[in-house]
Amino acid sequence: MTSSRFAFPPSDQAIFLTDGGLETALVYLDGIDLPCFAAFPLLRSKEGRARLETYFAPFIRTAVERDVGFILDTPTWRANPEWAAKLGVSCDDLMEINREAVRWAARLRDRLSDKPERILINGAIGPRGDGYRVDARMTAEEAQAYHALQVEAFRDAGADMVSAVTMNYAEEAVGIARAAEALGMPVVVSFTVETDGRLASGESLPSAIERTDRETGHTPAYYMINCAHPTHFDEILDGNGWWTRRIRGLRANASAKSHAELDEATELDPGDPIDLAQRYKDLRRRIPHLSVLGGCCGTDHRHIAAICETCLPELGRAA
């Protein structure tokens, strides 16, 4: 039976870690070619699956050693029809890859933890278009229809939850949340913001969260911020709006550069893991229910270990 401490959604007292920036780590640290920045094709070969396991293993070990939960993402941020078409992957093959991603994650969980109930398998859903700019913009109804097949594949393979990640306009987030609700899947929505704290669409983060809640009947279990440095959104979290209670997770970028600058970068900017960890600690003082802690572009296990060392000192040093 799953321990209530590690049930979904996380309680205010339970901490869950995530991994860091999967794609940037594979490309810039491991030298792996990822056309369209897509990691899901690695699931199609023994060597690719081994590379993914090597990446995820240190994060899972840290969670086990720290006695905290872990949210294990499937490597499927790009595994939707339009990106798959660019990679020559058919829709039927794509849905099987999404199902296999969940099964692969479950096998990895079972191998690396003797308490698998503490690791939640999360079907990761990325934007239809580019994560850094609003293109391929859809209505909420179009987004629900577009993303429903991926949500269904995750559900059928036994995922614990799904997350809409790097959302840069509200309609797509609303559509994914509605698709998840219709298919009976718990869902999390994670928005990304520009250096001014606003979504690429120009909408404010409070407005996007309030609108998504209003148009879905508060379907998302909680909200996250990802793919932005804390300096980009720190000031907008200073208020006491009710919407801040809906933010439970943070997966920040290592770099304080803008999305435009990161898009043009030819080298990885790992930032300062210690400084990033301190910023997480400061945010947790102001938002104590911030309980899902991980990283995004440019972060790796060093950053997650630093976050643990700074935010969870009572649990001892991570290996």
C-alpha atoms as a PDB file:
ATOM      1  CA  MET A   1       0.000   0.000   0.000  1.00  0.00           C
ATOM      2  CA  THR A   2       1.296   3.458  -0.861  1.00  0.00           C
ATOM      3  CA  SER A   3       2.380   5.463   2.167  1.00  0.00           C
ATOM      4  CA  SER A   4       0.153   8.492   2.696  1.00  0.00           C
ATOM      5  CA  ARG A   5       3.328  10.566   3.001  1.00  0.00           C
ATOM      6  CA  PHE A   6       4.133   9.851  -0.626  1.00  0.00           C
ATOM      7  CA  ALA A   7       0.627   9.843  -2.053  1.00  0.00           C
ATOM      8  CA  PHE A   8      -0.409  12.104  -4.905  1.00  0.00           C
ATOM      9  CA  PRO A   9      -0.706  15.031  -4.705  1.00  0.00           C
ATOM     10  CA  PRO A  10       2.174  15.618  -2.283  1.00  0.00           C
ATOM     11  CA  SER A  11       1.199  16.896   1.140  1.00  0.00           C
ATOM     12  CA  ASP A  12       2.723  20.061   2.562  1.00  0.00           C
ATOM     13  CA  GLN A  13       5.026  17.889   4.680  1.00  0.00           C
ATOM     14  CA  ALA A  14       6.242  15.564   1.917  1.00  0.00           C
ATOM     15  CA  ILE A  15       9.147  16.467  -0.363  1.00  0.00           C
ATOM     16  CA  PHE A  16       9.448  15.031  -3.865  1.00  0.00           C
ATOM     17  CA  LEU A  17      12.522  15.471  -6.030  1.00  0.00           C
ATOM     18  CA  THR A  18      12.630  15.365  -9.817  1.00  0.00           C
ATOM     19  CA  ASP A  19      15.498  15.083 -12.277  1.00  0.00           C
ATOM     20  CA  GLY A  20      17.162  18.078 -13.924  1.00  0.00           C
ATOM     21  CA  GLY A  21      17.437  19.144 -17.555  1.00  0.00           C
ATOM     22  CA  LEU A  22      17.299  15.827 -19.386  1.00  0.00           C
ATOM     23  CA  GLU A  23      17.730  17.065 -22.927  1.00  0.00           C
ATOM     24  CA  THR A  24      20.413  19.672 -22.191  1.00  0.00           C
ATOM     25  CA  ALA A  25      22.383  17.135 -20.145  1.00  0.00           C
ATOM     26  CA  LEU A  26      22.248  14.546 -22.921  1.00  0.00           C
ATOM     27  CA  VAL A  27      23.230  17.040 -25.633  1.00  0.00           C
ATOM     28  CA  TYR A  28      25.808  19.215 -23.907  1.00  0.00           C
ATOM     29  CA  LEU A  29      27.270  16.930 -21.242  1.00  0.00           C
ATOM     30  CA  ASP A  30      27.034  13.545 -22.981  1.00  0.00           C
ATOM     31  CA  GLY A  31      27.400  14.666 -26.586  1.00  0.00           C
ATOM     32  CA  ILE A  32      24.294  12.801 -27.750  1.00  0.00           C
ATOM     33  CA  ASP A  33      22.593  14.062 -30.898  1.00  0.00           C
ATOM     34  CA  LEU A  34      18.905  14.743 -30.196  1.00  0.00           C
ATOM     35  CA  PRO A  35      17.187  15.938 -33.373  1.00  0.00           C
ATOM     36  CA  CYS A  36      14.363  18.354 -32.489  1.00  0.00           C
ATOM     37  CA  PHE A  37      15.608  18.136 -28.895  1.00  0.00           C
ATOM     38  CA  ALA A  38      13.616  14.911 -28.563  1.00  0.00           C
ATOM     39  CA  ALA A  39      14.721  12.259 -26.061  1.00  0.00           C
ATOM     40  CA  PHE A  40      11.954   9.745 -26.719  1.00  0.00           C
ATOM     41  CA  PRO A  41      13.700   8.092 -29.723  1.00  0.00           C
ATOM     42  CA  LEU A  42      16.313   6.780 -27.261  1.00  0.00           C
ATOM     43  CA  LEU A  43      13.670   4.356 -25.987  1.00  0.00           C
ATOM     44  CA  ARG A  44      13.834   2.511 -29.312  1.00  0.00           C
ATOM     45  CA  SER A  45      17.293   1.027 -28.740  1.00  0.00           C
ATOM     46  CA  LYS A  46      19.068  -0.864 -25.979  1.00  0.00           C
ATOM     47  CA  GLU A  47      21.875   1.684 -26.001  1.00  0.00           C
ATOM     48  CA  GLY A  48      19.448   4.577 -25.781  1.00  0.00           C
ATOM     49  CA  ARG A  49      17.569   3.070 -22.847  1.00  0.00           C
ATOM     50  CA  ALA A  50      20.876   2.455 -21.075  1.00  0.00           C
ATOM     51  CA  ARG A  51      21.849   6.099 -21.614  1.00  0.00           C
ATOM     52  CA  LEU A  52      18.548   7.253 -20.113  1.00  0.00           C
ATOM     53  CA  GLU A  53      19.018   4.978 -17.106  1.00  0.00           C
ATOM     54  CA  THR A  54      22.527   6.330 -16.535  1.00  0.00           C
ATOM     55  CA  TYR A  55      21.067   9.827 -16.527  1.00  0.00           C
ATOM     56  CA  PHE A  56      18.142   9.158 -14.157  1.00  0.00           C
ATOM     57  CA  ALA A  57      19.876   6.799 -11.706  1.00  0.00           C
ATOM     58  CA  PRO A  58      21.760   9.427  -9.620  1.00  0.00           C
ATOM     59  CA  PHE A  59      18.592  11.451  -9.068  1.00  0.00           C
ATOM     60  CA  ILE A  60      16.643   8.401  -7.901  1.00  0.00           C
ATOM     61  CA  ARG A  61      19.484   7.311  -5.625  1.00  0.00           C
ATOM     62  CA  THR A  62      19.541  10.749  -4.020  1.00  0.00           C
ATOM     63  CA  ALA A  63      15.801  10.567  -3.299  1.00  0.00           C
ATOM     64  CA  VAL A  64      16.196   7.088  -1.807  1.00  0.00           C
ATOM     65  CA  GLU A  65      19.138   8.162   0.362  1.00  0.00           C
ATOM     66  CA  ARG A  66      17.339  11.303   1.494  1.00  0.00           C
ATOM     67  CA  ASP A  67      14.159   9.375   2.312  1.00  0.00           C
ATOM     68  CA  VAL A  68      12.062  11.648   0.116  1.00  0.00           C
ATOM     69  CA  GLY A  69       9.749  10.930  -2.786  1.00  0.00           C
ATOM     70  CA  PHE A  70      10.634  11.130  -6.461  1.00  0.00           C
ATOM     71  CA  ILE A  71       8.570  12.055  -9.504  1.00  0.00           C
ATOM     72  CA  LEU A  72      10.014  10.083 -12.413  1.00  0.00           C
ATOM     73  CA  ASP A  73       9.255  11.740 -15.745  1.00  0.00           C
ATOM     74  CA  THR A  74       8.911   9.753 -18.925  1.00  0.00           C
ATOM     75  CA  PRO A  75      11.323  11.126 -21.584  1.00  0.00           C
ATOM     76  CA  THR A  76       8.366  12.212 -23.716  1.00  0.00           C
ATOM     77  CA  TRP A  77       8.402  16.017 -23.708  1.00  0.00           C
ATOM     78  CA  ARG A  78       8.538  15.966 -27.529  1.00  0.00           C
ATOM     79  CA  ALA A  79       6.457  12.792 -28.000  1.00  0.00           C
ATOM     80  CA  ASN A  80       3.429  14.396 -29.624  1.00  0.00           C
ATOM     81  CA  PRO A  81       2.282  14.077 -33.258  1.00  0.00           C
ATOM     82  CA  GLU A  82       3.827  17.152 -34.877  1.00  0.00           C
ATOM     83  CA  TRP A  83       7.285  16.642 -33.390  1.00  0.00           C
ATOM     84  CA  ALA A  84       7.106  12.925 -34.144  1.00  0.00           C
ATOM     85  CA  ALA A  85       6.246  13.655 -37.778  1.00  0.00           C
ATOM     86  CA  LYS A  86       9.390  15.772 -38.076  1.00  0.00           C
ATOM     87  CA  LEU A  87      11.340  12.722 -36.883  1.00  0.00           C
ATOM     88  CA  GLY A  88       9.600  10.295 -39.250  1.00  0.00           C
ATOM     89  CA  VAL A  89       7.662   8.524 -36.490  1.00  0.00           C
ATOM     90  CA  SER A  90       4.098   7.439 -37.291  1.00  0.00           C
ATOM     91  CA  CYS A  91       1.207   8.156 -34.952  1.00  0.00           C
ATOM     92  CA  ASP A  92       0.742   4.465 -34.146  1.00  0.00           C
ATOM     93  CA  ASP A  93       4.431   4.037 -33.369  1.00  0.00           C
ATOM     94  CA  LEU A  94       4.370   7.218 -31.311  1.00  0.00           C
ATOM     95  CA  MET A  95       1.565   6.026 -29.065  1.00  0.00           C
ATOM     96  CA  GLU A  96       3.366   2.731 -28.481  1.00  0.00           C
ATOM     97  CA  ILE A  97       6.526   4.687 -27.604  1.00  0.00           C
ATOM     98  CA  ASN A  98       4.520   6.687 -25.049  1.00  0.00           C
ATOM     99  CA  ARG A  99       3.189   3.486 -23.517  1.00  0.00           C
ATOM    100  CA  GLU A 100       6.655   1.941 -23.509  1.00  0.00           C
ATOM    101  CA  ALA A 101       8.027   5.070 -21.819  1.00  0.00           C
ATOM    102  CA  VAL A 102       5.775   4.373 -18.830  1.00  0.00           C
ATOM    103  CA  ARG A 103       6.686   0.693 -18.734  1.00  0.00           C
ATOM    104  CA  TRP A 104      10.386   1.556 -18.985  1.00  0.00           C
ATOM    105  CA  ALA A 105      10.104   4.054 -16.136  1.00  0.00           C
ATOM    106  CA  ALA A 106       8.312   1.482 -13.981  1.00  0.00           C
ATOM    107  CA  ARG A 107      11.074  -1.077 -14.565  1.00  0.00           C
ATOM    108  CA  LEU A 108      13.698   1.519 -13.689  1.00  0.00           C
ATOM    109  CA  ARG A 109      11.835   2.433 -10.507  1.00  0.00           C
ATOM    110  CA  ASP A 110      11.611  -1.193  -9.439  1.00  0.00           C
ATOM    111  CA  ARG A 111      15.317  -1.789 -10.054  1.00  0.00           C
ATOM    112  CA  LEU A 112      16.609   1.261  -8.257  1.00  0.00           C
ATOM    113  CA  SER A 113      14.350   1.488  -5.215  1.00  0.00           C
ATOM    114  CA  ASP A 114      13.259  -1.040  -2.611  1.00  0.00           C
ATOM    115  CA  LYS A 115      10.336   1.273  -1.832  1.00  0.00           C
ATOM    116  CA  PRO A 116       8.813   1.796  -5.286  1.00  0.00           C
ATOM    117  CA  GLU A 117       5.656   3.292  -3.791  1.00  0.00           C
ATOM    118  CA  ARG A 118       7.708   6.439  -3.125  1.00  0.00           C
ATOM    119  CA  ILE A 119       8.371   6.982  -6.836  1.00  0.00           C
ATOM    120  CA  LEU A 120       5.530   8.319  -8.967  1.00  0.00           C
ATOM    121  CA  ILE A 121       5.582   7.669 -12.718  1.00  0.00           C
ATOM    122  CA  ASN A 122       4.745  10.907 -14.492  1.00  0.00           C
ATOM    123  CA  GLY A 123       3.755  11.073 -18.144  1.00  0.00           C
ATOM    124  CA  ALA A 124       5.502  14.230 -19.372  1.00  0.00           C
ATOM    125  CA  ILE A 125       3.592  16.246 -21.982  1.00  0.00           C
ATOM    126  CA  GLY A 126       5.321  19.092 -23.768  1.00  0.00           C
ATOM    127  CA  PRO A 127       3.873  21.861 -25.926  1.00  0.00           C
ATOM    128  CA  ARG A 128       2.690  21.214 -29.446  1.00  0.00           C
ATOM    129  CA  GLY A 129       4.959  23.994 -30.651  1.00  0.00           C
ATOM    130  CA  ASP A 130       8.143  25.559 -29.369  1.00  0.00           C
ATOM    131  CA  GLY A 131       8.497  25.880 -25.622  1.00  0.00           C
ATOM    132  CA  TYR A 132      10.115  29.309 -25.903  1.00  0.00           C
ATOM    133  CA  ARG A 133       7.610  31.048 -28.169  1.00  0.00           C
ATOM    134  CA  VAL A 134       3.903  30.882 -28.856  1.00  0.00           C
ATOM    135  CA  ASP A 135       3.507  29.094 -32.172  1.00  0.00           C
ATOM    136  CA  ALA A 136       0.994  26.465 -33.327  1.00  0.00           C
ATOM    137  CA  ARG A 137      -1.447  28.237 -31.008  1.00  0.00           C
ATOM    138  CA  MET A 138      -4.640  26.298 -30.325  1.00  0.00           C
ATOM    139  CA  THR A 139      -7.952  26.873 -28.652  1.00  0.00           C
ATOM    140  CA  ALA A 140      -8.550  24.905 -25.465  1.00  0.00           C
ATOM    141  CA  GLU A 141     -10.806  22.547 -27.417  1.00  0.00           C
ATOM    142  CA  GLU A 142      -8.151  21.958 -30.075  1.00  0.00           C
ATOM    143  CA  ALA A 143      -5.515  21.372 -27.404  1.00  0.00           C
ATOM    144  CA  GLN A 144      -7.707  18.822 -25.639  1.00  0.00           C
ATOM    145  CA  ALA A 145      -8.211  16.866 -28.855  1.00  0.00           C
ATOM    146  CA  TYR A 146      -4.543  17.128 -29.836  1.00  0.00           C
ATOM    147  CA  HIS A 147      -3.055  15.922 -26.528  1.00  0.00           C
ATOM    148  CA  ALA A 148      -5.721  13.355 -25.570  1.00  0.00           C
ATOM    149  CA  LEU A 149      -4.006  10.456 -27.358  1.00  0.00           C
ATOM    150  CA  GLN A 150      -0.793  10.930 -25.393  1.00  0.00           C
ATOM    151  CA  VAL A 151      -2.692  11.174 -22.103  1.00  0.00           C
ATOM    152  CA  GLU A 152      -4.606   8.018 -23.036  1.00  0.00           C
ATOM    153  CA  ALA A 153      -1.368   6.163 -23.791  1.00  0.00           C
ATOM    154  CA  PHE A 154       0.046   7.122 -20.391  1.00  0.00           C
ATOM    155  CA  ARG A 155      -3.138   6.043 -18.640  1.00  0.00           C
ATOM    156  CA  ASP A 156      -3.305   2.713 -20.422  1.00  0.00           C
ATOM    157  CA  ALA A 157       0.321   1.931 -19.544  1.00  0.00           C
ATOM    158  CA  GLY A 158      -0.258   2.636 -15.851  1.00  0.00           C
ATOM    159  CA  ALA A 159       1.257   6.081 -15.211  1.00  0.00           C
ATOM    160  CA  ASP A 160       0.438   7.612 -11.828  1.00  0.00           C
ATOM    161  CA  MET A 161      -0.023  11.129 -13.186  1.00  0.00           C
ATOM    162  CA  VAL A 162       0.595  13.380 -16.175  1.00  0.00           C
ATOM    163  CA  SER A 163       2.162  16.833 -16.342  1.00  0.00           C
ATOM    164  CA  ALA A 164       1.807  19.576 -18.934  1.00  0.00           C
ATOM    165  CA  VAL A 165       5.319  21.027 -18.949  1.00  0.00           C
ATOM    166  CA  THR A 166       6.729  24.286 -20.351  1.00  0.00           C
ATOM    167  CA  MET A 167       3.302  25.722 -21.114  1.00  0.00           C
ATOM    168  CA  ASN A 168       3.581  29.225 -22.526  1.00  0.00           C
ATOM    169  CA  TYR A 169      -0.092  30.089 -23.094  1.00  0.00           C
ATOM    170  CA  ALA A 170      -3.142  29.202 -21.046  1.00  0.00           C
ATOM    171  CA  GLU A 171      -5.349  27.599 -23.700  1.00  0.00           C
ATOM    172  CA  GLU A 172      -2.982  24.666 -24.205  1.00  0.00           C
ATOM    173  CA  ALA A 173      -2.768  24.106 -20.452  1.00  0.00           C
ATOM    174  CA  VAL A 174      -6.554  24.177 -20.191  1.00  0.00           C
ATOM    175  CA  GLY A 175      -6.896  21.664 -23.018  1.00  0.00           C
ATOM    176  CA  ILE A 176      -4.433  19.199 -21.493  1.00  0.00           C
ATOM    177  CA  ALA A 177      -6.085  19.482 -18.080  1.00  0.00           C
ATOM    178  CA  ARG A 178      -9.481  18.786 -19.638  1.00  0.00           C
ATOM    179  CA  ALA A 179      -8.100  15.804 -21.549  1.00  0.00           C
ATOM    180  CA  ALA A 180      -6.637  14.378 -18.351  1.00  0.00           C
ATOM    181  CA  GLU A 181      -9.882  14.856 -16.453  1.00  0.00           C
ATOM    182  CA  ALA A 182     -11.885  13.177 -19.211  1.00  0.00           C
ATOM    183  CA  LEU A 183      -9.522  10.196 -19.116  1.00  0.00           C
ATOM    184  CA  GLY A 184      -9.409   9.990 -15.327  1.00  0.00           C
ATOM    185  CA  MET A 185      -5.748  10.992 -14.911  1.00  0.00           C
ATOM    186  CA  PRO A 186      -4.362  13.273 -12.189  1.00  0.00           C
ATOM    187  CA  VAL A 187      -2.722  16.251 -13.873  1.00  0.00           C
ATOM    188  CA  VAL A 188      -0.188  18.953 -13.036  1.00  0.00           C
ATOM    189  CA  VAL A 189       0.343  22.112 -15.085  1.00  0.00           C
ATOM    190  CA  SER A 190       3.758  23.786 -15.275  1.00  0.00           C
ATOM    191  CA  PHE A 191       4.079  27.216 -16.869  1.00  0.00           C
ATOM    192  CA  THR A 192       7.260  28.849 -18.111  1.00  0.00           C
ATOM    193  CA  VAL A 193       7.849  32.595 -18.036  1.00  0.00           C
ATOM    194  CA  GLU A 194      10.087  35.150 -19.661  1.00  0.00           C
ATOM    195  CA  THR A 195      12.538  37.411 -17.824  1.00  0.00           C
ATOM    196  CA  ASP A 196       9.662  39.772 -16.934  1.00  0.00           C
ATOM    197  CA  GLY A 197       7.740  37.008 -15.177  1.00  0.00           C
ATOM    198  CA  ARG A 198       5.083  36.800 -17.900  1.00  0.00           C
ATOM    199  CA  LEU A 199       4.271  33.933 -20.208  1.00  0.00           C
ATOM    200  CA  ALA A 200       5.494  34.235 -23.799  1.00  0.00           C
ATOM    201  CA  SER A 201       1.867  35.010 -24.714  1.00  0.00           C
ATOM    202  CA  GLY A 202       2.109  38.159 -22.585  1.00  0.00           C
ATOM    203  CA  GLU A 203      -0.306  36.851 -19.967  1.00  0.00           C
ATOM    204  CA  SER A 204       0.754  37.149 -16.335  1.00  0.00           C
ATOM    205  CA  LEU A 205       1.409  33.991 -14.327  1.00  0.00           C
ATOM    206  CA  PRO A 206      -1.358  34.759 -11.792  1.00  0.00           C
ATOM    207  CA  SER A 207      -3.814  35.259 -14.647  1.00  0.00           C
ATOM    208  CA  ALA A 208      -2.779  32.010 -16.370  1.00  0.00           C
ATOM    209  CA  ILE A 209      -3.213  29.992 -13.174  1.00  0.00           C
ATOM    210  CA  GLU A 210      -6.511  31.648 -12.277  1.00  0.00           C
ATOM    211  CA  ARG A 211      -7.813  31.202 -15.816  1.00  0.00           C
ATOM    212  CA  THR A 212      -6.791  27.541 -16.027  1.00  0.00           C
ATOM    213  CA  ASP A 213      -8.471  26.833 -12.703  1.00  0.00           C
ATOM    214  CA  ARG A 214     -11.606  28.715 -13.709  1.00  0.00           C
ATOM    215  CA  GLU A 215     -11.935  27.003 -17.093  1.00  0.00           C
ATOM    216  CA  THR A 216     -11.233  23.497 -15.776  1.00  0.00           C
ATOM    217  CA  GLY A 217     -13.041  23.596 -12.440  1.00  0.00           C
ATOM    218  CA  HIS A 218      -9.697  23.494 -10.564  1.00  0.00           C
ATOM    219  CA  THR A 219      -8.738  20.222 -12.262  1.00  0.00           C
ATOM    220  CA  PRO A 220      -4.927  20.521 -11.911  1.00  0.00           C
ATOM    221  CA  ALA A 221      -3.713  18.989  -8.658  1.00  0.00           C
ATOM    222  CA  TYR A 222      -1.192  21.821  -8.444  1.00  0.00           C
ATOM    223  CA  TYR A 223       0.911  24.119 -10.600  1.00  0.00           C
ATOM    224  CA  MET A 224       4.642  24.392 -11.196  1.00  0.00           C
ATOM    225  CA  ILE A 225       7.085  26.830 -12.761  1.00  0.00           C
ATOM    226  CA  ASN A 226       9.745  25.389 -15.040  1.00  0.00           C
ATOM    227  CA  CYS A 227      12.321  26.448 -17.624  1.00  0.00           C
ATOM    228  CA  ALA A 228      12.982  29.854 -16.075  1.00  0.00           C
ATOM    229  CA  HIS A 229      15.550  31.108 -13.580  1.00  0.00           C
ATOM    230  CA  PRO A 230      14.243  32.269 -10.163  1.00  0.00           C
ATOM    231  CA  THR A 231      15.325  35.842 -10.942  1.00  0.00           C
ATOM    232  CA  HIS A 232      12.697  35.856 -13.694  1.00  0.00           C
ATOM    233  CA  PHE A 233       9.726  35.276 -11.367  1.00  0.00           C
ATOM    234  CA  ASP A 234      10.940  36.000  -7.850  1.00  0.00           C
ATOM    235  CA  GLU A 235       9.247  39.402  -7.593  1.00  0.00           C
ATOM    236  CA  ILE A 236       5.814  38.218  -8.706  1.00  0.00           C
ATOM    237  CA  LEU A 237       5.759  35.683  -5.864  1.00  0.00           C
ATOM    238  CA  ASP A 238       6.070  38.423  -3.255  1.00  0.00           C
ATOM    239  CA  GLY A 239       2.318  38.959  -3.052  1.00  0.00           C
ATOM    240  CA  ASN A 240      -0.169  37.030  -0.963  1.00  0.00           C
ATOM    241  CA  GLY A 241      -2.568  36.144  -3.763  1.00  0.00           C
ATOM    242  CA  TRP A 242      -4.447  32.878  -3.339  1.00  0.00           C
ATOM    243  CA  TRP A 243      -2.926  31.682  -6.597  1.00  0.00           C
ATOM    244  CA  THR A 244       0.464  31.235  -4.922  1.00  0.00           C
ATOM    245  CA  ARG A 245      -1.099  28.465  -2.821  1.00  0.00           C
ATOM    246  CA  ARG A 246      -1.606  26.556  -6.068  1.00  0.00           C
ATOM    247  CA  ILE A 247       2.143  26.503  -6.844  1.00  0.00           C
ATOM    248  CA  ARG A 248       3.657  23.352  -5.376  1.00  0.00           C
ATOM    249  CA  GLY A 249       6.646  22.682  -7.615  1.00  0.00           C
ATOM    250  CA  LEU A 250       9.717  24.344  -9.105  1.00  0.00           C
ATOM    251  CA  ARG A 251      12.032  23.166 -11.861  1.00  0.00           C
ATOM    252  CA  ALA A 252      14.207  26.186 -12.590  1.00  0.00           C
ATOM    253  CA  ASN A 253      16.852  26.703 -15.247  1.00  0.00           C
ATOM    254  CA  ALA A 254      20.486  26.838 -14.181  1.00  0.00           C
ATOM    255  CA  SER A 255      21.106  29.958 -16.251  1.00  0.00           C
ATOM    256  CA  ALA A 256      19.652  33.436 -15.732  1.00  0.00           C
ATOM    257  CA  LYS A 257      19.787  34.023 -19.497  1.00  0.00           C
ATOM    258  CA  SER A 258      16.602  34.731 -21.422  1.00  0.00           C
ATOM    259  CA  HIS A 259      14.923  32.092 -23.545  1.00  0.00           C
ATOM    260  CA  ALA A 260      16.119  33.893 -26.663  1.00  0.00           C
ATOM    261  CA  GLU A 261      19.705  33.790 -25.433  1.00  0.00           C
ATOM    262  CA  LEU A 262      19.444  30.109 -24.488  1.00  0.00           C
ATOM    263  CA  ASP A 263      17.960  29.312 -27.899  1.00  0.00           C
ATOM    264  CA  GLU A 264      21.043  30.772 -29.581  1.00  0.00           C
ATOM    265  CA  ALA A 265      23.569  29.237 -27.163  1.00  0.00           C
ATOM    266  CA  THR A 266      26.118  26.741 -28.469  1.00  0.00           C
ATOM    267  CA  GLU A 267      27.472  25.859 -25.027  1.00  0.00           C
ATOM    268  CA  LEU A 268      25.782  24.870 -21.796  1.00  0.00           C
ATOM    269  CA  ASP A 269      25.486  27.504 -19.085  1.00  0.00           C
ATOM    270  CA  PRO A 270      25.383  25.502 -15.811  1.00  0.00           C
ATOM    271  CA  GLY A 271      25.053  28.632 -13.684  1.00  0.00           C
ATOM    272  CA  ASP A 272      25.976  28.325 -10.010  1.00  0.00           C
ATOM    273  CA  PRO A 273      24.411  25.269  -8.290  1.00  0.00           C
ATOM    274  CA  ILE A 274      24.954  26.730  -4.808  1.00  0.00           C
ATOM    275  CA  ASP A 275      23.354  30.061  -5.705  1.00  0.00           C
ATOM    276  CA  LEU A 276      20.417  28.280  -7.349  1.00  0.00           C
ATOM    277  CA  ALA A 277      19.938  26.115  -4.266  1.00  0.00           C
ATOM    278  CA  GLN A 278      19.904  29.163  -2.006  1.00  0.00           C
ATOM    279  CA  ARG A 279      17.247  30.747  -4.201  1.00  0.00           C
ATOM    280  CA  TYR A 280      15.131  27.604  -3.797  1.00  0.00           C
ATOM    281  CA  LYS A 281      15.553  27.844  -0.021  1.00  0.00           C
ATOM    282  CA  ASP A 282      14.506  31.501  -0.035  1.00  0.00           C
ATOM    283  CA  LEU A 283      11.414  30.679  -2.090  1.00  0.00           C
ATOM    284  CA  ARG A 284      10.502  27.845   0.255  1.00  0.00           C
ATOM    285  CA  ARG A 285      10.634  30.249   3.207  1.00  0.00           C
ATOM    286  CA  ARG A 286       8.018  32.373   1.455  1.00  0.00           C
ATOM    287  CA  ILE A 287       6.060  29.466  -0.035  1.00  0.00           C
ATOM    288  CA  PRO A 288       6.437  26.644   2.495  1.00  0.00           C
ATOM    289  CA  HIS A 289       4.151  24.329   0.520  1.00  0.00           C
ATOM    290  CA  LEU A 290       6.711  24.325  -2.342  1.00  0.00           C
ATOM    291  CA  SER A 291       7.348  20.594  -2.097  1.00  0.00           C
ATOM    292  CA  VAL A 292       8.332  19.338  -5.579  1.00  0.00           C
ATOM    293  CA  LEU A 293      11.936  20.345  -6.241  1.00  0.00           C
ATOM    294  CA  GLY A 294      13.891  19.713  -9.412  1.00  0.00           C
ATOM    295  CA  GLY A 295      15.637  21.344 -12.333  1.00  0.00           C
ATOM    296  CA  CYS A 296      15.246  22.207 -15.990  1.00  0.00           C
ATOM    297  CA  CYS A 297      17.612  23.415 -18.722  1.00  0.00           C
ATOM    298  CA  GLY A 298      21.280  23.347 -17.759  1.00  0.00           C
ATOM    299  CA  THR A 299      20.768  21.551 -14.456  1.00  0.00           C
ATOM    300  CA  ASP A 300      22.102  18.101 -13.657  1.00  0.00           C
ATOM    301  CA  HIS A 301      22.615  15.980 -10.560  1.00  0.00           C
ATOM    302  CA  ARG A 302      25.010  18.542  -9.073  1.00  0.00           C
ATOM    303  CA  HIS A 303      22.202  21.079  -8.892  1.00  0.00           C
ATOM    304  CA  ILE A 304      19.703  18.674  -7.331  1.00  0.00           C
ATOM    305  CA  ALA A 305      22.309  17.570  -4.773  1.00  0.00           C
ATOM    306  CA  ALA A 306      22.958  21.231  -3.893  1.00  0.00           C
ATOM    307  CA  ILE A 307      19.221  21.863  -3.528  1.00  0.00           C
ATOM    308  CA  CYS A 308      19.000  18.909  -1.146  1.00  0.00           C
ATOM    309  CA  GLU A 309      22.029  20.084   0.820  1.00  0.00           C
ATOM    310  CA  THR A 310      20.600  23.578   1.194  1.00  0.00           C
ATOM    311  CA  CYS A 311      16.882  22.925   1.566  1.00  0.00           C
ATOM    312  CA  LEU A 312      16.948  19.601   3.407  1.00  0.00           C
ATOM    313  CA  PRO A 313      19.987  19.754   5.708  1.00  0.00           C
ATOM    314  CA  GLU A 314      18.310  17.677   8.381  1.00  0.00           C
ATOM    315  CA  LEU A 315      18.349  14.677   6.064  1.00  0.00           C
ATOM    316  CA  GLY A 316      22.130  14.517   5.769  1.00  0.00           C
ATOM    317  CA  ARG A 317      24.463  14.789   2.814  1.00  0.00           C
ATOM    318  CA  ALA A 318      23.427  13.311  -0.552  1.00  0.00           C
ATOM    319  CA  ALA A 319      25.890  10.937  -2.153  1.00  0.00           C
END
